Amino acid sequence: MQKLKGLWIPVEVLLNKDLSDKEKIILSMILYLSEETKSCFASNKYIASIVNVTANRVSKIISSLKDKEYIKVKLKYKTDSKEIEQRKITTIVENINRYNSKSQESIETNNYLDSQKQQ
């Protein structure tokens, strides 16, 4: 697993009102961790240690991202067992980017300052 050096949150994720803050962070982590292999293999425990939530909470957030169709999760089970050997998370880039056109006008150089002047 590659070493996490920082986290870039793409504007499509940052401005997406369909996602909670934790979903944005975890989705951005998945995007970062899948840059080299096109898939993320990080465990809930690993993600939880970085995001400062429980592994159970990470599991729920990943399920939510899956339900919202931002990611696909493929599980590989141990032979003759219900125990998970490996989890592979891939992002659905076209669904992440679908908010791009809505969010582009949201942040310009001084939108925030301009909106404050109008009040």
PDB file of N, CA and C in Angstrom:
ATOM      1  N   MET A   1       0.854  -1.181   0.000  1.00  0.00           N
ATOM      2  CA  MET A   1       0.000   0.000   0.000  1.00  0.00           C
ATOM      3  C   MET A   1       0.889   1.229   0.000  1.00  0.00           C
ATOM      4  N   GLN A   2       0.548   2.190  -0.857  1.00  0.00           N
ATOM      5  CA  GLN A   2       1.369   3.393  -0.921  1.00  0.00           C
ATOM      6  C   GLN A   2       1.173   4.255   0.315  1.00  0.00           C
ATOM      7  N   LYS A   3       2.206   5.021   0.624  1.00  0.00           N
ATOM      8  CA  LYS A   3       2.179   5.862   1.811  1.00  0.00           C
ATOM      9  C   LYS A   3       1.383   7.138   1.513  1.00  0.00           C
ATOM     10  N   LEU A   4       0.472   7.457   2.387  1.00  0.00           N
ATOM     11  CA  LEU A   4      -0.354   8.655   2.225  1.00  0.00           C
ATOM     12  C   LEU A   4       0.489   9.878   2.544  1.00  0.00           C
ATOM     13  N   LYS A   5       0.611  10.797   1.590  1.00  0.00           N
ATOM     14  CA  LYS A   5       1.432  11.991   1.760  1.00  0.00           C
ATOM     15  C   LYS A   5       0.593  13.241   1.962  1.00  0.00           C
ATOM     16  N   GLY A   6      -0.667  13.137   1.721  1.00  0.00           N
ATOM     17  CA  GLY A   6      -1.569  14.274   1.807  1.00  0.00           C
ATOM     18  C   GLY A   6      -2.837  13.891   1.080  1.00  0.00           C
ATOM     19  N   LEU A   7      -3.769  14.797   1.043  1.00  0.00           N
ATOM     20  CA  LEU A   7      -5.030  14.462   0.394  1.00  0.00           C
ATOM     21  C   LEU A   7      -5.529  15.643  -0.421  1.00  0.00           C
ATOM     22  N   TRP A   8      -5.759  15.393  -1.670  1.00  0.00           N
ATOM     23  CA  TRP A   8      -6.318  16.377  -2.579  1.00  0.00           C
ATOM     24  C   TRP A   8      -7.792  16.028  -2.750  1.00  0.00           C
ATOM     25  N   ILE A   9      -8.675  16.993  -2.504  1.00  0.00           N
ATOM     26  CA  ILE A   9     -10.098  16.767  -2.704  1.00  0.00           C
ATOM     27  C   ILE A   9     -10.495  17.465  -3.997  1.00  0.00           C
ATOM     28  N   PRO A  10     -10.806  16.702  -5.036  1.00  0.00           N
ATOM     29  CA  PRO A  10     -11.190  17.312  -6.311  1.00  0.00           C
ATOM     30  C   PRO A  10     -12.430  18.198  -6.145  1.00  0.00           C
ATOM     31  N   VAL A  11     -12.507  19.247  -6.941  1.00  0.00           N
ATOM     32  CA  VAL A  11     -13.619  20.192  -6.829  1.00  0.00           C
ATOM     33  C   VAL A  11     -14.965  19.494  -7.014  1.00  0.00           C
ATOM     34  N   GLU A  12     -15.007  18.461  -7.880  1.00  0.00           N
ATOM     35  CA  GLU A  12     -16.258  17.724  -8.110  1.00  0.00           C
ATOM     36  C   GLU A  12     -16.732  17.045  -6.832  1.00  0.00           C
ATOM     37  N   VAL A  13     -15.803  16.646  -6.000  1.00  0.00           N
ATOM     38  CA  VAL A  13     -16.132  16.007  -4.725  1.00  0.00           C
ATOM     39  C   VAL A  13     -16.397  17.071  -3.666  1.00  0.00           C
ATOM     40  N   LEU A  14     -15.524  18.062  -3.597  1.00  0.00           N
ATOM     41  CA  LEU A  14     -15.618  19.108  -2.581  1.00  0.00           C
ATOM     42  C   LEU A  14     -16.962  19.839  -2.615  1.00  0.00           C
ATOM     43  N   LEU A  15     -17.441  20.144  -3.794  1.00  0.00           N
ATOM     44  CA  LEU A  15     -18.675  20.937  -3.928  1.00  0.00           C
ATOM     45  C   LEU A  15     -19.935  20.092  -4.066  1.00  0.00           C
ATOM     46  N   ASN A  16     -19.789  18.785  -4.006  1.00  0.00           N
ATOM     47  CA  ASN A  16     -20.931  17.892  -4.179  1.00  0.00           C
ATOM     48  C   ASN A  16     -21.807  17.912  -2.916  1.00  0.00           C
ATOM     49  N   LYS A  17     -22.995  18.452  -3.053  1.00  0.00           N
ATOM     50  CA  LYS A  17     -23.913  18.574  -1.913  1.00  0.00           C
ATOM     51  C   LYS A  17     -24.584  17.253  -1.555  1.00  0.00           C
ATOM     52  N   ASP A  18     -24.382  16.241  -2.375  1.00  0.00           N
ATOM     53  CA  ASP A  18     -24.938  14.911  -2.134  1.00  0.00           C
ATOM     54  C   ASP A  18     -24.089  14.120  -1.131  1.00  0.00           C
ATOM     55  N   LEU A  19     -22.895  14.623  -0.833  1.00  0.00           N
ATOM     56  CA  LEU A  19     -21.957  13.902   0.028  1.00  0.00           C
ATOM     57  C   LEU A  19     -21.734  14.629   1.345  1.00  0.00           C
ATOM     58  N   SER A  20     -21.615  13.858   2.429  1.00  0.00           N
ATOM     59  CA  SER A  20     -21.251  14.431   3.723  1.00  0.00           C
ATOM     60  C   SER A  20     -19.755  14.723   3.716  1.00  0.00           C
ATOM     61  N   ASP A  21     -19.282  15.459   4.696  1.00  0.00           N
ATOM     62  CA  ASP A  21     -17.857  15.774   4.786  1.00  0.00           C
ATOM     63  C   ASP A  21     -17.007  14.508   4.873  1.00  0.00           C
ATOM     64  N   LYS A  22     -17.414  13.561   5.693  1.00  0.00           N
ATOM     65  CA  LYS A  22     -16.652  12.309   5.831  1.00  0.00           C
ATOM     66  C   LYS A  22     -16.683  11.513   4.528  1.00  0.00           C
ATOM     67  N   GLU A  23     -17.809  11.518   3.822  1.00  0.00           N
ATOM     68  CA  GLU A  23     -17.884  10.829   2.526  1.00  0.00           C
ATOM     69  C   GLU A  23     -16.918  11.471   1.541  1.00  0.00           C
ATOM     70  N   LYS A  24     -16.828  12.799   1.557  1.00  0.00           N
ATOM     71  CA  LYS A  24     -15.902  13.508   0.671  1.00  0.00           C
ATOM     72  C   LYS A  24     -14.462  13.115   0.968  1.00  0.00           C
ATOM     73  N   ILE A  25     -14.107  13.057   2.241  1.00  0.00           N
ATOM     74  CA  ILE A  25     -12.740  12.708   2.627  1.00  0.00           C
ATOM     75  C   ILE A  25     -12.428  11.270   2.234  1.00  0.00           C
ATOM     76  N   ILE A  26     -13.326  10.359   2.541  1.00  0.00           N
ATOM     77  CA  ILE A  26     -13.074   8.948   2.235  1.00  0.00           C
ATOM     78  C   ILE A  26     -13.071   8.700   0.734  1.00  0.00           C
ATOM     79  N   LEU A  27     -13.972   9.324  -0.009  1.00  0.00           N
ATOM     80  CA  LEU A  27     -13.969   9.185  -1.464  1.00  0.00           C
ATOM     81  C   LEU A  27     -12.661   9.728  -2.040  1.00  0.00           C
ATOM     82  N   SER A  28     -12.183  10.845  -1.521  1.00  0.00           N
ATOM     83  CA  SER A  28     -10.912  11.405  -1.985  1.00  0.00           C
ATOM     84  C   SER A  28      -9.749  10.483  -1.650  1.00  0.00           C
ATOM     85  N   MET A  29      -9.794   9.851  -0.481  1.00  0.00           N
ATOM     86  CA  MET A  29      -8.760   8.867  -0.128  1.00  0.00           C
ATOM     87  C   MET A  29      -8.780   7.690  -1.101  1.00  0.00           C
ATOM     88  N   ILE A  30      -9.970   7.213  -1.416  1.00  0.00           N
ATOM     89  CA  ILE A  30     -10.101   6.092  -2.351  1.00  0.00           C
ATOM     90  C   ILE A  30      -9.535   6.491  -3.716  1.00  0.00           C
ATOM     91  N   LEU A  31      -9.853   7.697  -4.167  1.00  0.00           N
ATOM     92  CA  LEU A  31      -9.316   8.182  -5.446  1.00  0.00           C
ATOM     93  C   LEU A  31      -7.789   8.210  -5.408  1.00  0.00           C
ATOM     94  N   TYR A  32      -7.229   8.741  -4.324  1.00  0.00           N
ATOM     95  CA  TYR A  32      -5.781   8.841  -4.181  1.00  0.00           C
ATOM     96  C   TYR A  32      -5.125   7.456  -4.123  1.00  0.00           C
ATOM     97  N   LEU A  33      -5.675   6.584  -3.305  1.00  0.00           N
ATOM     98  CA  LEU A  33      -5.081   5.264  -3.119  1.00  0.00           C
ATOM     99  C   LEU A  33      -5.250   4.355  -4.333  1.00  0.00           C
ATOM    100  N   SER A  34      -6.113   4.740  -5.267  1.00  0.00           N
ATOM    101  CA  SER A  34      -6.310   3.915  -6.457  1.00  0.00           C
ATOM    102  C   SER A  34      -5.638   4.515  -7.693  1.00  0.00           C
ATOM    103  N   GLU A  35      -4.839   5.560  -7.502  1.00  0.00           N
ATOM    104  CA  GLU A  35      -4.170   6.195  -8.646  1.00  0.00           C
ATOM    105  C   GLU A  35      -3.282   5.228  -9.418  1.00  0.00           C
ATOM    106  N   GLU A  36      -2.462   4.456  -8.710  1.00  0.00           N
ATOM    107  CA  GLU A  36      -1.494   3.579  -9.378  1.00  0.00           C
ATOM    108  C   GLU A  36      -2.117   2.303  -9.927  1.00  0.00           C
ATOM    109  N   THR A  37      -3.023   1.696  -9.158  1.00  0.00           N
ATOM    110  CA  THR A  37      -3.561   0.391  -9.536  1.00  0.00           C
ATOM    111  C   THR A  37      -4.997   0.446 -10.060  1.00  0.00           C
ATOM    112  N   LYS A  38      -5.591   1.623 -10.067  1.00  0.00           N
ATOM    113  CA  LYS A  38      -6.994   1.822 -10.484  1.00  0.00           C
ATOM    114  C   LYS A  38      -7.985   1.207  -9.510  1.00  0.00           C
ATOM    115  N   SER A  39      -7.482   0.700  -8.390  1.00  0.00           N
ATOM    116  CA  SER A  39      -8.333   0.126  -7.345  1.00  0.00           C
ATOM    117  C   SER A  39      -7.742   0.455  -5.985  1.00  0.00           C
ATOM    118  N   CYS A  40      -8.598   0.532  -4.989  1.00  0.00           N
ATOM    119  CA  CYS A  40      -8.165   0.777  -3.619  1.00  0.00           C
ATOM    120  C   CYS A  40      -8.370  -0.505  -2.822  1.00  0.00           C
ATOM    121  N   PHE A  41      -7.343  -0.912  -2.099  1.00  0.00           N
ATOM    122  CA  PHE A  41      -7.403  -2.138  -1.303  1.00  0.00           C
ATOM    123  C   PHE A  41      -7.302  -1.841   0.192  1.00  0.00           C
ATOM    124  N   ALA A  42      -7.396  -0.569   0.586  1.00  0.00           N
ATOM    125  CA  ALA A  42      -7.243  -0.173   1.989  1.00  0.00           C
ATOM    126  C   ALA A  42      -8.353  -0.784   2.845  1.00  0.00           C
ATOM    127  N   SER A  43      -7.972  -1.184   4.034  1.00  0.00           N
ATOM    128  CA  SER A  43      -8.952  -1.756   4.963  1.00  0.00           C
ATOM    129  C   SER A  43      -9.731  -0.639   5.664  1.00  0.00           C
ATOM    130  N   ASN A  44     -10.865  -1.003   6.219  1.00  0.00           N
ATOM    131  CA  ASN A  44     -11.646  -0.036   7.006  1.00  0.00           C
ATOM    132  C   ASN A  44     -10.819   0.478   8.181  1.00  0.00           C
ATOM    133  N   LYS A  45     -10.043  -0.415   8.776  1.00  0.00           N
ATOM    134  CA  LYS A  45      -9.213  -0.047   9.923  1.00  0.00           C
ATOM    135  C   LYS A  45      -8.175   1.011   9.530  1.00  0.00           C
ATOM    136  N   TYR A  46      -7.545   0.830   8.379  1.00  0.00           N
ATOM    137  CA  TYR A  46      -6.553   1.790   7.897  1.00  0.00           C
ATOM    138  C   TYR A  46      -7.199   3.153   7.641  1.00  0.00           C
ATOM    139  N   ILE A  47      -8.303   3.153   6.923  1.00  0.00           N
ATOM    140  CA  ILE A  47      -9.002   4.413   6.623  1.00  0.00           C
ATOM    141  C   ILE A  47      -9.469   5.067   7.919  1.00  0.00           C
ATOM    142  N   ALA A  48     -10.008   4.270   8.830  1.00  0.00           N
ATOM    143  CA  ALA A  48     -10.503   4.790  10.110  1.00  0.00           C
ATOM    144  C   ALA A  48      -9.399   5.475  10.904  1.00  0.00           C
ATOM    145  N   SER A  49      -8.188   4.911  10.868  1.00  0.00           N
ATOM    146  CA  SER A  49      -7.080   5.495  11.629  1.00  0.00           C
ATOM    147  C   SER A  49      -6.693   6.868  11.091  1.00  0.00           C
ATOM    148  N   ILE A  50      -6.887   7.094   9.823  1.00  0.00           N
ATOM    149  CA  ILE A  50      -6.545   8.390   9.222  1.00  0.00           C
ATOM    150  C   ILE A  50      -7.678   9.396   9.397  1.00  0.00           C
ATOM    151  N   VAL A  51      -8.903   8.948   9.215  1.00  0.00           N
ATOM    152  CA  VAL A  51     -10.062   9.847   9.254  1.00  0.00           C
ATOM    153  C   VAL A  51     -10.552  10.089  10.684  1.00  0.00           C
ATOM    154  N   ASN A  52     -10.048   9.282  11.614  1.00  0.00           N
ATOM    155  CA  ASN A  52     -10.397   9.422  13.033  1.00  0.00           C
ATOM    156  C   ASN A  52     -11.868   9.090  13.317  1.00  0.00           C
ATOM    157  N   VAL A  53     -12.293   7.972  12.749  1.00  0.00           N
ATOM    158  CA  VAL A  53     -13.617   7.407  13.034  1.00  0.00           C
ATOM    159  C   VAL A  53     -13.412   5.910  13.266  1.00  0.00           C
ATOM    160  N   THR A  54     -14.454   5.212  13.628  1.00  0.00           N
ATOM    161  CA  THR A  54     -14.339   3.764  13.832  1.00  0.00           C
ATOM    162  C   THR A  54     -14.367   3.030  12.485  1.00  0.00           C
ATOM    163  N   ALA A  55     -13.839   1.828  12.482  1.00  0.00           N
ATOM    164  CA  ALA A  55     -13.872   1.003  11.279  1.00  0.00           C
ATOM    165  C   ALA A  55     -15.313   0.710  10.862  1.00  0.00           C
ATOM    166  N   ASN A  56     -16.209   0.572  11.852  1.00  0.00           N
ATOM    167  CA  ASN A  56     -17.621   0.356  11.571  1.00  0.00           C
ATOM    168  C   ASN A  56     -18.221   1.555  10.829  1.00  0.00           C
ATOM    169  N   ARG A  57     -17.826   2.758  11.240  1.00  0.00           N
ATOM    170  CA  ARG A  57     -18.319   3.980  10.578  1.00  0.00           C
ATOM    171  C   ARG A  57     -17.800   4.047   9.143  1.00  0.00           C
ATOM    172  N   VAL A  58     -16.541   3.669   8.939  1.00  0.00           N
ATOM    173  CA  VAL A  58     -15.981   3.634   7.587  1.00  0.00           C
ATOM    174  C   VAL A  58     -16.779   2.657   6.726  1.00  0.00           C
ATOM    175  N   SER A  59     -17.121   1.513   7.277  1.00  0.00           N
ATOM    176  CA  SER A  59     -17.910   0.523   6.553  1.00  0.00           C
ATOM    177  C   SER A  59     -19.246   1.116   6.094  1.00  0.00           C
ATOM    178  N   LYS A  60     -19.897   1.862   6.978  1.00  0.00           N
ATOM    179  CA  LYS A  60     -21.182   2.487   6.633  1.00  0.00           C
ATOM    180  C   LYS A  60     -21.006   3.559   5.563  1.00  0.00           C
ATOM    181  N   ILE A  61     -19.918   4.322   5.645  1.00  0.00           N
ATOM    182  CA  ILE A  61     -19.665   5.373   4.646  1.00  0.00           C
ATOM    183  C   ILE A  61     -19.360   4.740   3.293  1.00  0.00           C
ATOM    184  N   ILE A  62     -18.584   3.686   3.281  1.00  0.00           N
ATOM    185  CA  ILE A  62     -18.297   2.994   2.020  1.00  0.00           C
ATOM    186  C   ILE A  62     -19.576   2.414   1.432  1.00  0.00           C
ATOM    187  N   SER A  63     -20.435   1.860   2.267  1.00  0.00           N
ATOM    188  CA  SER A  63     -21.735   1.358   1.788  1.00  0.00           C
ATOM    189  C   SER A  63     -22.571   2.495   1.206  1.00  0.00           C
ATOM    190  N   SER A  64     -22.544   3.641   1.851  1.00  0.00           N
ATOM    191  CA  SER A  64     -23.288   4.803   1.362  1.00  0.00           C
ATOM    192  C   SER A  64     -22.745   5.273   0.011  1.00  0.00           C
ATOM    193  N   LEU A  65     -21.415   5.337  -0.117  1.00  0.00           N
ATOM    194  CA  LEU A  65     -20.811   5.733  -1.398  1.00  0.00           C
ATOM    195  C   LEU A  65     -21.162   4.727  -2.496  1.00  0.00           C
ATOM    196  N   LYS A  66     -21.242   3.455  -2.127  1.00  0.00           N
ATOM    197  CA  LYS A  66     -21.639   2.414  -3.075  1.00  0.00           C
ATOM    198  C   LYS A  66     -23.105   2.596  -3.474  1.00  0.00           C
ATOM    199  N   ASP A  67     -23.974   2.828  -2.493  1.00  0.00           N
ATOM    200  CA  ASP A  67     -25.403   3.036  -2.763  1.00  0.00           C
ATOM    201  C   ASP A  67     -25.640   4.262  -3.653  1.00  0.00           C
ATOM    202  N   LYS A  68     -24.809   5.278  -3.468  1.00  0.00           N
ATOM    203  CA  LYS A  68     -24.925   6.508  -4.270  1.00  0.00           C
ATOM    204  C   LYS A  68     -24.216   6.377  -5.620  1.00  0.00           C
ATOM    205  N   GLU A  69     -23.632   5.205  -5.862  1.00  0.00           N
ATOM    206  CA  GLU A  69     -22.982   4.842  -7.121  1.00  0.00           C
ATOM    207  C   GLU A  69     -21.747   5.672  -7.441  1.00  0.00           C
ATOM    208  N   TYR A  70     -20.961   6.000  -6.413  1.00  0.00           N
ATOM    209  CA  TYR A  70     -19.670   6.658  -6.620  1.00  0.00           C
ATOM    210  C   TYR A  70     -18.539   5.637  -6.666  1.00  0.00           C
ATOM    211  N   ILE A  71     -18.778   4.462  -6.081  1.00  0.00           N
ATOM    212  CA  ILE A  71     -17.769   3.407  -6.064  1.00  0.00           C
ATOM    213  C   ILE A  71     -18.426   2.052  -6.310  1.00  0.00           C
ATOM    214  N   LYS A  72     -17.583   1.092  -6.712  1.00  0.00           N
ATOM    215  CA  LYS A  72     -17.982  -0.312  -6.797  1.00  0.00           C
ATOM    216  C   LYS A  72     -17.100  -1.066  -5.816  1.00  0.00           C
ATOM    217  N   VAL A  73     -17.674  -2.035  -5.146  1.00  0.00           N
ATOM    218  CA  VAL A  73     -16.926  -2.843  -4.191  1.00  0.00           C
ATOM    219  C   VAL A  73     -17.020  -4.304  -4.619  1.00  0.00           C
ATOM    220  N   LYS A  74     -15.862  -4.924  -4.774  1.00  0.00           N
ATOM    221  CA  LYS A  74     -15.810  -6.340  -5.139  1.00  0.00           C
ATOM    222  C   LYS A  74     -15.102  -7.079  -4.008  1.00  0.00           C
ATOM    223  N   LEU A  75     -15.761  -8.101  -3.488  1.00  0.00           N
ATOM    224  CA  LEU A  75     -15.210  -8.875  -2.381  1.00  0.00           C
ATOM    225  C   LEU A  75     -14.725 -10.226  -2.880  1.00  0.00           C
ATOM    226  N   LYS A  76     -13.558 -10.614  -2.398  1.00  0.00           N
ATOM    227  CA  LYS A  76     -13.016 -11.944  -2.694  1.00  0.00           C
ATOM    228  C   LYS A  76     -12.988 -12.698  -1.372  1.00  0.00           C
ATOM    229  N   TYR A  77     -13.667 -13.829  -1.344  1.00  0.00           N
ATOM    230  CA  TYR A  77     -13.778 -14.618  -0.114  1.00  0.00           C
ATOM    231  C   TYR A  77     -12.735 -15.723  -0.072  1.00  0.00           C
ATOM    232  N   LYS A  78     -12.337 -16.087   1.129  1.00  0.00           N
ATOM    233  CA  LYS A  78     -11.439 -17.220   1.311  1.00  0.00           C
ATOM    234  C   LYS A  78     -12.178 -18.487   0.877  1.00  0.00           C
ATOM    235  N   THR A  79     -11.451 -19.435   0.367  1.00  0.00           N
ATOM    236  CA  THR A  79     -12.033 -20.685  -0.133  1.00  0.00           C
ATOM    237  C   THR A  79     -12.873 -21.363   0.948  1.00  0.00           C
ATOM    238  N   ASP A  80     -14.093 -21.748   0.563  1.00  0.00           N
ATOM    239  CA  ASP A  80     -15.030 -22.440   1.460  1.00  0.00           C
ATOM    240  C   ASP A  80     -15.278 -21.672   2.759  1.00  0.00           C
ATOM    241  N   SER A  81     -15.382 -20.362   2.636  1.00  0.00           N
ATOM    242  CA  SER A  81     -15.557 -19.527   3.822  1.00  0.00           C
ATOM    243  C   SER A  81     -16.353 -18.280   3.474  1.00  0.00           C
ATOM    244  N   LYS A  82     -16.924 -17.670   4.507  1.00  0.00           N
ATOM    245  CA  LYS A  82     -17.599 -16.392   4.335  1.00  0.00           C
ATOM    246  C   LYS A  82     -16.677 -15.245   4.759  1.00  0.00           C
ATOM    247  N   GLU A  83     -15.443 -15.591   5.107  1.00  0.00           N
ATOM    248  CA  GLU A  83     -14.464 -14.590   5.524  1.00  0.00           C
ATOM    249  C   GLU A  83     -13.874 -13.910   4.280  1.00  0.00           C
ATOM    250  N   ILE A  84     -13.825 -12.588   4.336  1.00  0.00           N
ATOM    251  CA  ILE A  84     -13.329 -11.805   3.207  1.00  0.00           C
ATOM    252  C   ILE A  84     -11.799 -11.869   3.182  1.00  0.00           C
ATOM    253  N   GLU A  85     -11.286 -12.265   2.029  1.00  0.00           N
ATOM    254  CA  GLU A  85      -9.835 -12.310   1.839  1.00  0.00           C
ATOM    255  C   GLU A  85      -9.323 -10.962   1.345  1.00  0.00           C
ATOM    256  N   GLN A  86     -10.093 -10.342   0.447  1.00  0.00           N
ATOM    257  CA  GLN A  86      -9.664  -9.070  -0.141  1.00  0.00           C
ATOM    258  C   GLN A  86     -10.883  -8.272  -0.582  1.00  0.00           C
ATOM    259  N   ARG A  87     -10.767  -6.942  -0.420  1.00  0.00           N
ATOM    260  CA  ARG A  87     -11.812  -6.038  -0.913  1.00  0.00           C
ATOM    261  C   ARG A  87     -11.160  -5.105  -1.924  1.00  0.00           C
ATOM    262  N   LYS A  88     -11.823  -4.957  -3.049  1.00  0.00           N
ATOM    263  CA  LYS A  88     -11.318  -4.099  -4.115  1.00  0.00           C
ATOM    264  C   LYS A  88     -12.360  -3.000  -4.356  1.00  0.00           C
ATOM    265  N   ILE A  89     -11.953  -1.753  -4.166  1.00  0.00           N
ATOM    266  CA  ILE A  89     -12.856  -0.621  -4.381  1.00  0.00           C
ATOM    267  C   ILE A  89     -12.400   0.121  -5.624  1.00  0.00           C
ATOM    268  N   THR A  90     -13.318   0.313  -6.558  1.00  0.00           N
ATOM    269  CA  THR A  90     -13.024   1.116  -7.745  1.00  0.00           C
ATOM    270  C   THR A  90     -14.004   2.273  -7.805  1.00  0.00           C
ATOM    271  N   THR A  91     -13.527   3.396  -8.289  1.00  0.00           N
ATOM    272  CA  THR A  91     -14.394   4.572  -8.384  1.00  0.00           C
ATOM    273  C   THR A  91     -15.144   4.559  -9.713  1.00  0.00           C
ATOM    274  N   ILE A  92     -16.310   5.152  -9.693  1.00  0.00           N
ATOM    275  CA  ILE A  92     -17.105   5.312 -10.911  1.00  0.00           C
ATOM    276  C   ILE A  92     -16.940   6.779 -11.314  1.00  0.00           C
ATOM    277  N   VAL A  93     -15.885   7.028 -12.089  1.00  0.00           N
ATOM    278  CA  VAL A  93     -15.446   8.391 -12.386  1.00  0.00           C
ATOM    279  C   VAL A  93     -16.547   9.229 -13.034  1.00  0.00           C
ATOM    280  N   GLU A  94     -17.288   8.628 -13.954  1.00  0.00           N
ATOM    281  CA  GLU A  94     -18.338   9.413 -14.626  1.00  0.00           C
ATOM    282  C   GLU A  94     -19.397   9.905 -13.634  1.00  0.00           C
ATOM    283  N   ASN A  95     -19.654   9.146 -12.578  1.00  0.00           N
ATOM    284  CA  ASN A  95     -20.628   9.581 -11.572  1.00  0.00           C
ATOM    285  C   ASN A  95     -20.041  10.643 -10.650  1.00  0.00           C
ATOM    286  N   ILE A  96     -18.751  10.570 -10.389  1.00  0.00           N
ATOM    287  CA  ILE A  96     -18.108  11.617  -9.596  1.00  0.00           C
ATOM    288  C   ILE A  96     -18.117  12.914 -10.386  1.00  0.00           C
ATOM    289  N   ASN A  97     -17.852  12.819 -11.679  1.00  0.00           N
ATOM    290  CA  ASN A  97     -17.766  14.005 -12.528  1.00  0.00           C
ATOM    291  C   ASN A  97     -19.120  14.584 -12.922  1.00  0.00           C
ATOM    292  N   ARG A  98     -20.197  13.876 -12.660  1.00  0.00           N
ATOM    293  CA  ARG A  98     -21.519  14.378 -13.086  1.00  0.00           C
ATOM    294  C   ARG A  98     -21.891  15.684 -12.397  1.00  0.00           C
ATOM    295  N   TYR A  99     -21.277  15.975 -11.256  1.00  0.00           N
ATOM    296  CA  TYR A  99     -21.560  17.224 -10.553  1.00  0.00           C
ATOM    297  C   TYR A  99     -20.650  18.352 -11.005  1.00  0.00           C
ATOM    298  N   ASN A 100     -19.754  18.068 -11.918  1.00  0.00           N
ATOM    299  CA  ASN A 100     -18.784  19.040 -12.384  1.00  0.00           C
ATOM    300  C   ASN A 100     -19.442  20.284 -12.960  1.00  0.00           C
ATOM    301  N   SER A 101     -20.402  20.128 -13.858  1.00  0.00           N
ATOM    302  CA  SER A 101     -21.018  21.287 -14.506  1.00  0.00           C
ATOM    303  C   SER A 101     -21.817  22.124 -13.516  1.00  0.00           C
ATOM    304  N   LYS A 102     -22.447  21.488 -12.536  1.00  0.00           N
ATOM    305  CA  LYS A 102     -23.208  22.225 -11.533  1.00  0.00           C
ATOM    306  C   LYS A 102     -22.288  23.017 -10.613  1.00  0.00           C
ATOM    307  N   SER A 103     -21.102  22.478 -10.344  1.00  0.00           N
ATOM    308  CA  SER A 103     -20.241  23.092  -9.342  1.00  0.00           C
ATOM    309  C   SER A 103     -19.241  24.084  -9.912  1.00  0.00           C
ATOM    310  N   GLN A 104     -19.037  24.109 -11.198  1.00  0.00           N
ATOM    311  CA  GLN A 104     -18.009  24.965 -11.759  1.00  0.00           C
ATOM    312  C   GLN A 104     -18.239  26.446 -11.462  1.00  0.00           C
ATOM    313  N   GLU A 105     -19.465  26.893 -11.503  1.00  0.00           N
ATOM    314  CA  GLU A 105     -19.711  28.299 -11.246  1.00  0.00           C
ATOM    315  C   GLU A 105     -19.725  28.622  -9.749  1.00  0.00           C
ATOM    316  N   SER A 106     -19.650  27.617  -8.918  1.00  0.00           N
ATOM    317  CA  SER A 106     -19.752  27.836  -7.482  1.00  0.00           C
ATOM    318  C   SER A 106     -18.533  28.509  -6.871  1.00  0.00           C
ATOM    319  N   ILE A 107     -17.342  28.191  -7.350  1.00  0.00           N
ATOM    320  CA  ILE A 107     -16.151  28.820  -6.798  1.00  0.00           C
ATOM    321  C   ILE A 107     -15.425  29.545  -7.917  1.00  0.00           C
ATOM    322  N   GLU A 108     -15.403  30.816  -7.823  1.00  0.00           N
ATOM    323  CA  GLU A 108     -14.607  31.654  -8.701  1.00  0.00           C
ATOM    324  C   GLU A 108     -13.694  32.437  -7.795  1.00  0.00           C
ATOM    325  N   THR A 109     -12.970  33.383  -8.297  1.00  0.00           N
ATOM    326  CA  THR A 109     -11.941  34.012  -7.480  1.00  0.00           C
ATOM    327  C   THR A 109     -12.441  34.607  -6.177  1.00  0.00           C
ATOM    328  N   ASN A 110     -13.498  35.377  -6.213  1.00  0.00           N
ATOM    329  CA  ASN A 110     -13.949  36.009  -4.971  1.00  0.00           C
ATOM    330  C   ASN A 110     -15.462  35.920  -4.804  1.00  0.00           C
ATOM    331  N   ASN A 111     -16.048  34.809  -5.184  1.00  0.00           N
ATOM    332  CA  ASN A 111     -17.494  34.645  -5.017  1.00  0.00           C
ATOM    333  C   ASN A 111     -17.939  34.912  -3.588  1.00  0.00           C
ATOM    334  N   TYR A 112     -17.199  34.376  -2.636  1.00  0.00           N
ATOM    335  CA  TYR A 112     -17.588  34.524  -1.225  1.00  0.00           C
ATOM    336  C   TYR A 112     -17.590  35.996  -0.819  1.00  0.00           C
ATOM    337  N   LEU A 113     -16.552  36.716  -1.172  1.00  0.00           N
ATOM    338  CA  LEU A 113     -16.465  38.137  -0.811  1.00  0.00           C
ATOM    339  C   LEU A 113     -17.573  38.939  -1.518  1.00  0.00           C
ATOM    340  N   ASP A 114     -17.833  38.611  -2.800  1.00  0.00           N
ATOM    341  CA  ASP A 114     -18.889  39.290  -3.531  1.00  0.00           C
ATOM    342  C   ASP A 114     -20.245  39.070  -2.891  1.00  0.00           C
ATOM    343  N   SER A 115     -20.509  37.839  -2.450  1.00  0.00           N
ATOM    344  CA  SER A 115     -21.802  37.549  -1.830  1.00  0.00           C
ATOM    345  C   SER A 115     -21.942  38.260  -0.489  1.00  0.00           C
ATOM    346  N   GLN A 116     -20.839  38.461   0.210  1.00  0.00           N
ATOM    347  CA  GLN A 116     -20.884  39.166   1.503  1.00  0.00           C
ATOM    348  C   GLN A 116     -21.184  40.657   1.302  1.00  0.00           C
ATOM    349  N   LYS A 117     -20.687  41.232   0.220  1.00  0.00           N
ATOM    350  CA  LYS A 117     -20.909  42.648  -0.081  1.00  0.00           C
ATOM    351  C   LYS A 117     -22.370  42.912  -0.393  1.00  0.00           C
ATOM    352  N   GLN A 118     -23.037  41.931  -1.008  1.00  0.00           N
ATOM    353  CA  GLN A 118     -24.417  42.100  -1.419  1.00  0.00           C
ATOM    354  C   GLN A 118     -25.395  42.036  -0.239  1.00  0.00           C
ATOM    355  N   GLN A 119     -24.952  41.539   0.896  1.00  0.00           N
ATOM    356  CA  GLN A 119     -25.859  41.365   2.029  1.00  0.00           C
ATOM    357  C   GLN A 119     -26.031  42.630   2.812  1.00  0.00           C
TER     358      GLN A 119
END
